[in-house]
Amino acid sequence: MARICELTGKRPGKGNVVWRSGKAKKKGGIGTHVTAITKRRFLPNLQRVKAVIDGEVRYVRVSSQALKKGLVTKPAPRTWKKEEAKPAA
């Protein structure tokens, strides 16, 4: 399943992990050098919440920023009770 917010369209970002070795010049060394660069992903903070969409209640995957901004309308708490199971005849 794609890690995409259904309301804002926020998706994973790209970046790098940079490995350095050596001692900084201002600390008395000869300077730091990059020894490796590996790719990494910045994933959005997605939450699965119940929301009212087009008049019906369903689960959506939205980012936490969308929740903080108030873009999600939560459904009203359920008031009706389930029917009791009828005894077998």
PDB file of N, CA and C in Angstrom:
ATOM      1  N   MET A   1       0.845  -1.180   0.000  1.00  0.00           N
ATOM      2  CA  MET A   1       0.000   0.000   0.000  1.00  0.00           C
ATOM      3  C   MET A   1       0.890   1.244   0.000  1.00  0.00           C
ATOM      4  N   ALA A   2       0.526   2.194  -0.827  1.00  0.00           N
ATOM      5  CA  ALA A   2       1.337   3.399  -0.945  1.00  0.00           C
ATOM      6  C   ALA A   2       1.223   4.248   0.316  1.00  0.00           C
ATOM      7  N   ARG A   3       2.320   4.877   0.695  1.00  0.00           N
ATOM      8  CA  ARG A   3       2.333   5.728   1.883  1.00  0.00           C
ATOM      9  C   ARG A   3       2.009   7.158   1.473  1.00  0.00           C
ATOM     10  N   ILE A   4       0.750   7.387   1.092  1.00  0.00           N
ATOM     11  CA  ILE A   4       0.319   8.696   0.618  1.00  0.00           C
ATOM     12  C   ILE A   4      -0.885   9.141   1.436  1.00  0.00           C
ATOM     13  N   CYS A   5      -0.865  10.396   1.884  1.00  0.00           N
ATOM     14  CA  CYS A   5      -1.992  10.971   2.622  1.00  0.00           C
ATOM     15  C   CYS A   5      -3.147  11.170   1.641  1.00  0.00           C
ATOM     16  N   GLU A   6      -4.347  10.713   2.021  1.00  0.00           N
ATOM     17  CA  GLU A   6      -5.499  10.794   1.123  1.00  0.00           C
ATOM     18  C   GLU A   6      -6.057  12.208   1.016  1.00  0.00           C
ATOM     19  N   LEU A   7      -5.708  13.095   1.948  1.00  0.00           N
ATOM     20  CA  LEU A   7      -6.241  14.455   1.900  1.00  0.00           C
ATOM     21  C   LEU A   7      -5.234  15.452   1.337  1.00  0.00           C
ATOM     22  N   THR A   8      -3.997  15.383   1.790  1.00  0.00           N
ATOM     23  CA  THR A   8      -3.010  16.379   1.367  1.00  0.00           C
ATOM     24  C   THR A   8      -2.115  15.893   0.232  1.00  0.00           C
ATOM     25  N   GLY A   9      -2.063  14.590  -0.005  1.00  0.00           N
ATOM     26  CA  GLY A   9      -1.189  14.064  -1.048  1.00  0.00           C
ATOM     27  C   GLY A   9       0.263  13.963  -0.633  1.00  0.00           C
ATOM     28  N   LYS A  10       0.521  14.150   0.661  1.00  0.00           N
ATOM     29  CA  LYS A  10       1.902  14.045   1.170  1.00  0.00           C
ATOM     30  C   LYS A  10       2.402  12.620   0.944  1.00  0.00           C
ATOM     31  N   ARG A  11       3.643  12.506   0.433  1.00  0.00           N
ATOM     32  CA  ARG A  11       4.216  11.205   0.126  1.00  0.00           C
ATOM     33  C   ARG A  11       5.668  11.150   0.597  1.00  0.00           C
ATOM     34  N   PRO A  12       6.317   9.988   0.551  1.00  0.00           N
ATOM     35  CA  PRO A  12       7.697   9.903   1.013  1.00  0.00           C
ATOM     36  C   PRO A  12       8.630  10.831   0.240  1.00  0.00           C
ATOM     37  N   GLY A  13       9.584  11.427   0.973  1.00  0.00           N
ATOM     38  CA  GLY A  13      10.591  12.278   0.349  1.00  0.00           C
ATOM     39  C   GLY A  13      11.904  11.530   0.236  1.00  0.00           C
ATOM     40  N   LYS A  14      12.812  12.073  -0.568  1.00  0.00           N
ATOM     41  CA  LYS A  14      14.110  11.432  -0.771  1.00  0.00           C
ATOM     42  C   LYS A  14      15.188  12.211  -0.042  1.00  0.00           C
ATOM     43  N   GLY A  15      16.258  11.521   0.296  1.00  0.00           N
ATOM     44  CA  GLY A  15      17.378  12.173   0.953  1.00  0.00           C
ATOM     45  C   GLY A  15      18.584  11.260   0.940  1.00  0.00           C
ATOM     46  N   ASN A  16      19.626  11.695   1.614  1.00  0.00           N
ATOM     47  CA  ASN A  16      20.864  10.925   1.685  1.00  0.00           C
ATOM     48  C   ASN A  16      21.342  10.831   3.120  1.00  0.00           C
ATOM     49  N   VAL A  17      22.029   9.731   3.415  1.00  0.00           N
ATOM     50  CA  VAL A  17      22.778   9.599   4.653  1.00  0.00           C
ATOM     51  C   VAL A  17      24.245   9.759   4.262  1.00  0.00           C
ATOM     52  N   VAL A  18      24.907  10.764   4.817  1.00  0.00           N
ATOM     53  CA  VAL A  18      26.299  11.051   4.451  1.00  0.00           C
ATOM     54  C   VAL A  18      27.205  10.591   5.587  1.00  0.00           C
ATOM     55  N   TRP A  19      28.132   9.677   5.267  1.00  0.00           N
ATOM     56  CA  TRP A  19      29.097   9.186   6.250  1.00  0.00           C
ATOM     57  C   TRP A  19      30.384   9.974   6.096  1.00  0.00           C
ATOM     58  N   ARG A  20      30.887  10.490   7.198  1.00  0.00           N
ATOM     59  CA  ARG A  20      32.128  11.261   7.172  1.00  0.00           C
ATOM     60  C   ARG A  20      33.141  10.634   8.132  1.00  0.00           C
ATOM     61  N   SER A  21      34.409  10.772   7.791  1.00  0.00           N
ATOM     62  CA  SER A  21      35.459  10.316   8.702  1.00  0.00           C
ATOM     63  C   SER A  21      36.511  11.400   8.804  1.00  0.00           C
ATOM     64  N   GLY A  22      37.285  11.358   9.856  1.00  0.00           N
ATOM     65  CA  GLY A  22      38.334  12.348  10.068  1.00  0.00           C
ATOM     66  C   GLY A  22      37.955  13.313  11.166  1.00  0.00           C
ATOM     67  N   LYS A  23      38.915  14.154  11.505  1.00  0.00           N
ATOM     68  CA  LYS A  23      38.740  15.129  12.574  1.00  0.00           C
ATOM     69  C   LYS A  23      38.661  16.523  11.959  1.00  0.00           C
ATOM     70  N   ALA A  24      37.729  17.337  12.446  1.00  0.00           N
ATOM     71  CA  ALA A  24      37.545  18.684  11.908  1.00  0.00           C
ATOM     72  C   ALA A  24      38.818  19.510  12.061  1.00  0.00           C
ATOM     73  N   LYS A  25      39.040  20.416  11.114  1.00  0.00           N
ATOM     74  CA  LYS A  25      40.244  21.248  11.150  1.00  0.00           C
ATOM     75  C   LYS A  25      40.300  22.108  12.406  1.00  0.00           C
ATOM     76  N   LYS A  26      39.154  22.668  12.800  1.00  0.00           N
ATOM     77  CA  LYS A  26      39.175  23.533  13.975  1.00  0.00           C
ATOM     78  C   LYS A  26      39.373  22.751  15.268  1.00  0.00           C
ATOM     79  N   LYS A  27      39.302  21.417  15.186  1.00  0.00           N
ATOM     80  CA  LYS A  27      39.588  20.597  16.358  1.00  0.00           C
ATOM     81  C   LYS A  27      40.991  20.002  16.287  1.00  0.00           C
ATOM     82  N   GLY A  28      41.771  20.455  15.315  1.00  0.00           N
ATOM     83  CA  GLY A  28      43.160  20.007  15.241  1.00  0.00           C
ATOM     84  C   GLY A  28      43.436  18.920  14.238  1.00  0.00           C
ATOM     85  N   GLY A  29      42.460  18.567  13.415  1.00  0.00           N
ATOM     86  CA  GLY A  29      42.672  17.508  12.437  1.00  0.00           C
ATOM     87  C   GLY A  29      42.985  18.066  11.060  1.00  0.00           C
ATOM     88  N   ILE A  30      42.943  17.181  10.072  1.00  0.00           N
ATOM     89  CA  ILE A  30      43.217  17.617   8.697  1.00  0.00           C
ATOM     90  C   ILE A  30      41.924  17.797   7.902  1.00  0.00           C
ATOM     91  N   GLY A  31      40.797  17.708   8.558  1.00  0.00           N
ATOM     92  CA  GLY A  31      39.502  17.905   7.894  1.00  0.00           C
ATOM     93  C   GLY A  31      38.745  16.599   7.734  1.00  0.00           C
ATOM     94  N   THR A  32      37.429  16.711   7.628  1.00  0.00           N
ATOM     95  CA  THR A  32      36.609  15.513   7.453  1.00  0.00           C
ATOM     96  C   THR A  32      36.444  15.228   5.962  1.00  0.00           C
ATOM     97  N   HIS A  33      36.255  13.955   5.631  1.00  0.00           N
ATOM     98  CA  HIS A  33      36.060  13.529   4.250  1.00  0.00           C
ATOM     99  C   HIS A  33      34.829  12.645   4.171  1.00  0.00           C
ATOM    100  N   VAL A  34      34.095  12.774   3.081  1.00  0.00           N
ATOM    101  CA  VAL A  34      32.926  11.928   2.861  1.00  0.00           C
ATOM    102  C   VAL A  34      33.415  10.567   2.406  1.00  0.00           C
ATOM    103  N   THR A  35      32.973   9.510   3.099  1.00  0.00           N
ATOM    104  CA  THR A  35      33.399   8.160   2.741  1.00  0.00           C
ATOM    105  C   THR A  35      32.288   7.370   2.074  1.00  0.00           C
ATOM    106  N   ALA A  36      31.031   7.727   2.304  1.00  0.00           N
ATOM    107  CA  ALA A  36      29.935   6.990   1.674  1.00  0.00           C
ATOM    108  C   ALA A  36      28.675   7.851   1.708  1.00  0.00           C
ATOM    109  N   ILE A  37      27.856   7.677   0.685  1.00  0.00           N
ATOM    110  CA  ILE A  37      26.542   8.325   0.643  1.00  0.00           C
ATOM    111  C   ILE A  37      25.533   7.255   0.277  1.00  0.00           C
ATOM    112  N   THR A  38      24.539   7.046   1.134  1.00  0.00           N
ATOM    113  CA  THR A  38      23.496   6.069   0.846  1.00  0.00           C
ATOM    114  C   THR A  38      22.153   6.785   0.823  1.00  0.00           C
ATOM    115  N   LYS A  39      21.247   6.264   0.018  1.00  0.00           N
ATOM    116  CA  LYS A  39      19.936   6.875  -0.126  1.00  0.00           C
ATOM    117  C   LYS A  39      19.058   6.489   1.059  1.00  0.00           C
ATOM    118  N   ARG A  40      18.126   7.368   1.379  1.00  0.00           N
ATOM    119  CA  ARG A  40      17.154   7.086   2.439  1.00  0.00           C
ATOM    120  C   ARG A  40      15.836   7.728   2.076  1.00  0.00           C
ATOM    121  N   ARG A  41      14.762   7.360   2.800  1.00  0.00           N
ATOM    122  CA  ARG A  41      13.437   7.908   2.552  1.00  0.00           C
ATOM    123  C   ARG A  41      12.916   8.557   3.827  1.00  0.00           C
ATOM    124  N   PHE A  42      12.270   9.703   3.665  1.00  0.00           N
ATOM    125  CA  PHE A  42      11.586  10.364   4.766  1.00  0.00           C
ATOM    126  C   PHE A  42      10.111  10.037   4.624  1.00  0.00           C
ATOM    127  N   LEU A  43       9.585   9.189   5.515  1.00  0.00           N
ATOM    128  CA  LEU A  43       8.200   8.744   5.402  1.00  0.00           C
ATOM    129  C   LEU A  43       7.262   9.702   6.133  1.00  0.00           C
ATOM    130  N   PRO A  44       6.078   9.966   5.573  1.00  0.00           N
ATOM    131  CA  PRO A  44       5.113  10.821   6.272  1.00  0.00           C
ATOM    132  C   PRO A  44       4.517  10.072   7.454  1.00  0.00           C
ATOM    133  N   ASN A  45       4.101  10.817   8.462  1.00  0.00           N
ATOM    134  CA  ASN A  45       3.504  10.231   9.655  1.00  0.00           C
ATOM    135  C   ASN A  45       2.019  10.006   9.387  1.00  0.00           C
ATOM    136  N   LEU A  46       1.688   8.836   8.819  1.00  0.00           N
ATOM    137  CA  LEU A  46       0.305   8.539   8.445  1.00  0.00           C
ATOM    138  C   LEU A  46      -0.426   7.846   9.585  1.00  0.00           C
ATOM    139  N   GLN A  47      -1.685   8.222   9.753  1.00  0.00           N
ATOM    140  CA  GLN A  47      -2.543   7.629  10.766  1.00  0.00           C
ATOM    141  C   GLN A  47      -3.797   7.109  10.080  1.00  0.00           C
ATOM    142  N   ARG A  48      -4.310   5.990  10.570  1.00  0.00           N
ATOM    143  CA  ARG A  48      -5.552   5.423  10.030  1.00  0.00           C
ATOM    144  C   ARG A  48      -6.680   5.852  10.953  1.00  0.00           C
ATOM    145  N   VAL A  49      -7.573   6.715  10.451  1.00  0.00           N
ATOM    146  CA  VAL A  49      -8.643   7.262  11.286  1.00  0.00           C
ATOM    147  C   VAL A  49      -9.983   7.135  10.568  1.00  0.00           C
ATOM    148  N   LYS A  50     -11.053   7.105  11.368  1.00  0.00           N
ATOM    149  CA  LYS A  50     -12.398   7.146  10.807  1.00  0.00           C
ATOM    150  C   LYS A  50     -12.730   8.586  10.467  1.00  0.00           C
ATOM    151  N   ALA A  51     -13.296   8.798   9.288  1.00  0.00           N
ATOM    152  CA  ALA A  51     -13.655  10.143   8.875  1.00  0.00           C
ATOM    153  C   ALA A  51     -14.953  10.097   8.083  1.00  0.00           C
ATOM    154  N   VAL A  52     -15.652  11.231   8.069  1.00  0.00           N
ATOM    155  CA  VAL A  52     -16.870  11.350   7.277  1.00  0.00           C
ATOM    156  C   VAL A  52     -16.463  11.886   5.911  1.00  0.00           C
ATOM    157  N   ILE A  53     -16.663  11.049   4.864  1.00  0.00           N
ATOM    158  CA  ILE A  53     -16.300  11.444   3.506  1.00  0.00           C
ATOM    159  C   ILE A  53     -17.521  11.229   2.616  1.00  0.00           C
ATOM    160  N   ASP A  54     -17.994  12.304   1.992  1.00  0.00           N
ATOM    161  CA  ASP A  54     -19.184  12.275   1.135  1.00  0.00           C
ATOM    162  C   ASP A  54     -20.389  11.695   1.869  1.00  0.00           C
ATOM    163  N   GLY A  55     -20.518  12.038   3.154  1.00  0.00           N
ATOM    164  CA  GLY A  55     -21.680  11.604   3.926  1.00  0.00           C
ATOM    165  C   GLY A  55     -21.598  10.216   4.512  1.00  0.00           C
ATOM    166  N   GLU A  56     -20.543   9.471   4.248  1.00  0.00           N
ATOM    167  CA  GLU A  56     -20.426   8.133   4.827  1.00  0.00           C
ATOM    168  C   GLU A  56     -19.143   8.023   5.635  1.00  0.00           C
ATOM    169  N   VAL A  57     -19.166   7.144   6.626  1.00  0.00           N
ATOM    170  CA  VAL A  57     -18.029   6.968   7.524  1.00  0.00           C
ATOM    171  C   VAL A  57     -17.139   5.870   6.960  1.00  0.00           C
ATOM    172  N   ARG A  58     -15.869   6.185   6.797  1.00  0.00           N
ATOM    173  CA  ARG A  58     -14.922   5.168   6.354  1.00  0.00           C
ATOM    174  C   ARG A  58     -13.538   5.489   6.911  1.00  0.00           C
ATOM    175  N   TYR A  59     -12.670   4.489   6.857  1.00  0.00           N
ATOM    176  CA  TYR A  59     -11.300   4.666   7.327  1.00  0.00           C
ATOM    177  C   TYR A  59     -10.468   5.314   6.226  1.00  0.00           C
ATOM    178  N   VAL A  60      -9.635   6.276   6.606  1.00  0.00           N
ATOM    179  CA  VAL A  60      -8.723   6.921   5.661  1.00  0.00           C
ATOM    180  C   VAL A  60      -7.348   6.989   6.290  1.00  0.00           C
ATOM    181  N   ARG A  61      -6.327   7.032   5.434  1.00  0.00           N
ATOM    182  CA  ARG A  61      -4.940   7.193   5.894  1.00  0.00           C
ATOM    183  C   ARG A  61      -4.552   8.635   5.648  1.00  0.00           C
ATOM    184  N   VAL A  62      -4.396   9.388   6.725  1.00  0.00           N
ATOM    185  CA  VAL A  62      -4.074  10.805   6.605  1.00  0.00           C
ATOM    186  C   VAL A  62      -2.829  11.111   7.433  1.00  0.00           C
ATOM    187  N   SER A  63      -2.131  12.168   7.049  1.00  0.00           N
ATOM    188  CA  SER A  63      -0.930  12.568   7.778  1.00  0.00           C
ATOM    189  C   SER A  63      -1.336  13.241   9.085  1.00  0.00           C
ATOM    190  N   SER A  64      -0.432  13.237  10.038  1.00  0.00           N
ATOM    191  CA  SER A  64      -0.717  13.859  11.328  1.00  0.00           C
ATOM    192  C   SER A  64      -0.892  15.361  11.172  1.00  0.00           C
ATOM    193  N   GLN A  65      -0.239  15.955  10.181  1.00  0.00           N
ATOM    194  CA  GLN A  65      -0.412  17.397   9.946  1.00  0.00           C
ATOM    195  C   GLN A  65      -1.828  17.701   9.488  1.00  0.00           C
ATOM    196  N   ALA A  66      -2.435  16.813   8.693  1.00  0.00           N
ATOM    197  CA  ALA A  66      -3.819  17.015   8.263  1.00  0.00           C
ATOM    198  C   ALA A  66      -4.761  16.938   9.458  1.00  0.00           C
ATOM    199  N   LEU A  67      -4.446  16.044  10.402  1.00  0.00           N
ATOM    200  CA  LEU A  67      -5.272  15.950  11.613  1.00  0.00           C
ATOM    201  C   LEU A  67      -5.145  17.224  12.444  1.00  0.00           C
ATOM    202  N   LYS A  68      -3.912  17.737  12.581  1.00  0.00           N
ATOM    203  CA  LYS A  68      -3.700  18.947  13.376  1.00  0.00           C
ATOM    204  C   LYS A  68      -4.373  20.160  12.753  1.00  0.00           C
ATOM    205  N   LYS A  69      -4.378  20.227  11.416  1.00  0.00           N
ATOM    206  CA  LYS A  69      -5.002  21.360  10.727  1.00  0.00           C
ATOM    207  C   LYS A  69      -6.522  21.306  10.777  1.00  0.00           C
ATOM    208  N   GLY A  70      -7.090  20.147  11.146  1.00  0.00           N
ATOM    209  CA  GLY A  70      -8.536  20.026  11.212  1.00  0.00           C
ATOM    210  C   GLY A  70      -9.173  19.688   9.876  1.00  0.00           C
ATOM    211  N   LEU A  71      -8.420  19.063   8.970  1.00  0.00           N
ATOM    212  CA  LEU A  71      -8.964  18.703   7.670  1.00  0.00           C
ATOM    213  C   LEU A  71      -9.869  17.476   7.727  1.00  0.00           C
ATOM    214  N   VAL A  72      -9.807  16.745   8.847  1.00  0.00           N
ATOM    215  CA  VAL A  72     -10.599  15.521   8.991  1.00  0.00           C
ATOM    216  C   VAL A  72     -11.812  15.807   9.864  1.00  0.00           C
ATOM    217  N   THR A  73     -13.011  15.454   9.361  1.00  0.00           N
ATOM    218  CA  THR A  73     -14.221  15.560  10.184  1.00  0.00           C
ATOM    219  C   THR A  73     -14.510  14.174  10.738  1.00  0.00           C
ATOM    220  N   LYS A  74     -14.419  14.053  12.053  1.00  0.00           N
ATOM    221  CA  LYS A  74     -14.630  12.763  12.698  1.00  0.00           C
ATOM    222  C   LYS A  74     -16.124  12.481  12.810  1.00  0.00           C
ATOM    223  N   PRO A  75     -16.537  11.218  12.758  1.00  0.00           N
ATOM    224  CA  PRO A  75     -17.954  10.903  12.884  1.00  0.00           C
ATOM    225  C   PRO A  75     -18.432  11.060  14.322  1.00  0.00           C
ATOM    226  N   ALA A  76     -19.738  11.256  14.475  1.00  0.00           N
ATOM    227  CA  ALA A  76     -20.324  11.355  15.813  1.00  0.00           C
ATOM    228  C   ALA A  76     -20.249   9.993  16.483  1.00  0.00           C
ATOM    229  N   PRO A  77     -20.155   9.953  17.814  1.00  0.00           N
ATOM    230  CA  PRO A  77     -20.110   8.667  18.508  1.00  0.00           C
ATOM    231  C   PRO A  77     -21.391   7.878  18.269  1.00  0.00           C
ATOM    232  N   ARG A  78     -21.246   6.578  18.191  1.00  0.00           N
ATOM    233  CA  ARG A  78     -22.383   5.705  17.921  1.00  0.00           C
ATOM    234  C   ARG A  78     -23.296   5.662  19.137  1.00  0.00           C
ATOM    235  N   THR A  79     -24.616   5.783  18.921  1.00  0.00           N
ATOM    236  CA  THR A  79     -25.564   5.769  20.038  1.00  0.00           C
ATOM    237  C   THR A  79     -26.397   4.501  20.068  1.00  0.00           C
ATOM    238  N   TRP A  80     -26.601   3.847  18.942  1.00  0.00           N
ATOM    239  CA  TRP A  80     -27.419   2.643  18.917  1.00  0.00           C
ATOM    240  C   TRP A  80     -26.626   1.442  19.378  1.00  0.00           C
ATOM    241  N   LYS A  81     -27.346   0.440  19.873  1.00  0.00           N
ATOM    242  CA  LYS A  81     -26.707  -0.766  20.367  1.00  0.00           C
ATOM    243  C   LYS A  81     -26.982  -1.914  19.404  1.00  0.00           C
ATOM    244  N   LYS A  82     -26.069  -2.876  19.375  1.00  0.00           N
ATOM    245  CA  LYS A  82     -26.269  -4.047  18.529  1.00  0.00           C
ATOM    246  C   LYS A  82     -27.431  -4.871  19.061  1.00  0.00           C
ATOM    247  N   GLU A  83     -28.144  -5.549  18.147  1.00  0.00           N
ATOM    248  CA  GLU A  83     -29.233  -6.422  18.574  1.00  0.00           C
ATOM    249  C   GLU A  83     -28.633  -7.638  19.258  1.00  0.00           C
ATOM    250  N   GLU A  84     -29.337  -8.105  20.277  1.00  0.00           N
ATOM    251  CA  GLU A  84     -28.847  -9.294  20.972  1.00  0.00           C
ATOM    252  C   GLU A  84     -29.066 -10.524  20.103  1.00  0.00           C
ATOM    253  N   ALA A  85     -28.140 -11.481  20.231  1.00  0.00           N
ATOM    254  CA  ALA A  85     -28.272 -12.711  19.447  1.00  0.00           C
ATOM    255  C   ALA A  85     -29.484 -13.501  19.927  1.00  0.00           C
ATOM    256  N   LYS A  86     -30.295 -13.960  18.969  1.00  0.00           N
ATOM    257  CA  LYS A  86     -31.494 -14.742  19.330  1.00  0.00           C
ATOM    258  C   LYS A  86     -31.077 -16.169  19.629  1.00  0.00           C
ATOM    259  N   PRO A  87     -31.676 -16.778  20.671  1.00  0.00           N
ATOM    260  CA  PRO A  87     -31.317 -18.160  20.991  1.00  0.00           C
ATOM    261  C   PRO A  87     -31.755 -19.112  19.885  1.00  0.00           C
ATOM    262  N   ALA A  88     -30.944 -20.173  19.657  1.00  0.00           N
ATOM    263  CA  ALA A  88     -31.260 -21.145  18.618  1.00  0.00           C
ATOM    264  C   ALA A  88     -32.500 -21.939  19.020  1.00  0.00           C
ATOM    265  N   ALA A  89     -33.410 -22.146  18.064  1.00  0.00           N
ATOM    266  CA  ALA A  89     -34.657 -22.853  18.359  1.00  0.00           C
ATOM    267  C   ALA A  89     -34.525 -24.346  18.225  1.00  0.00           C
TER     268      ALA A  89
END
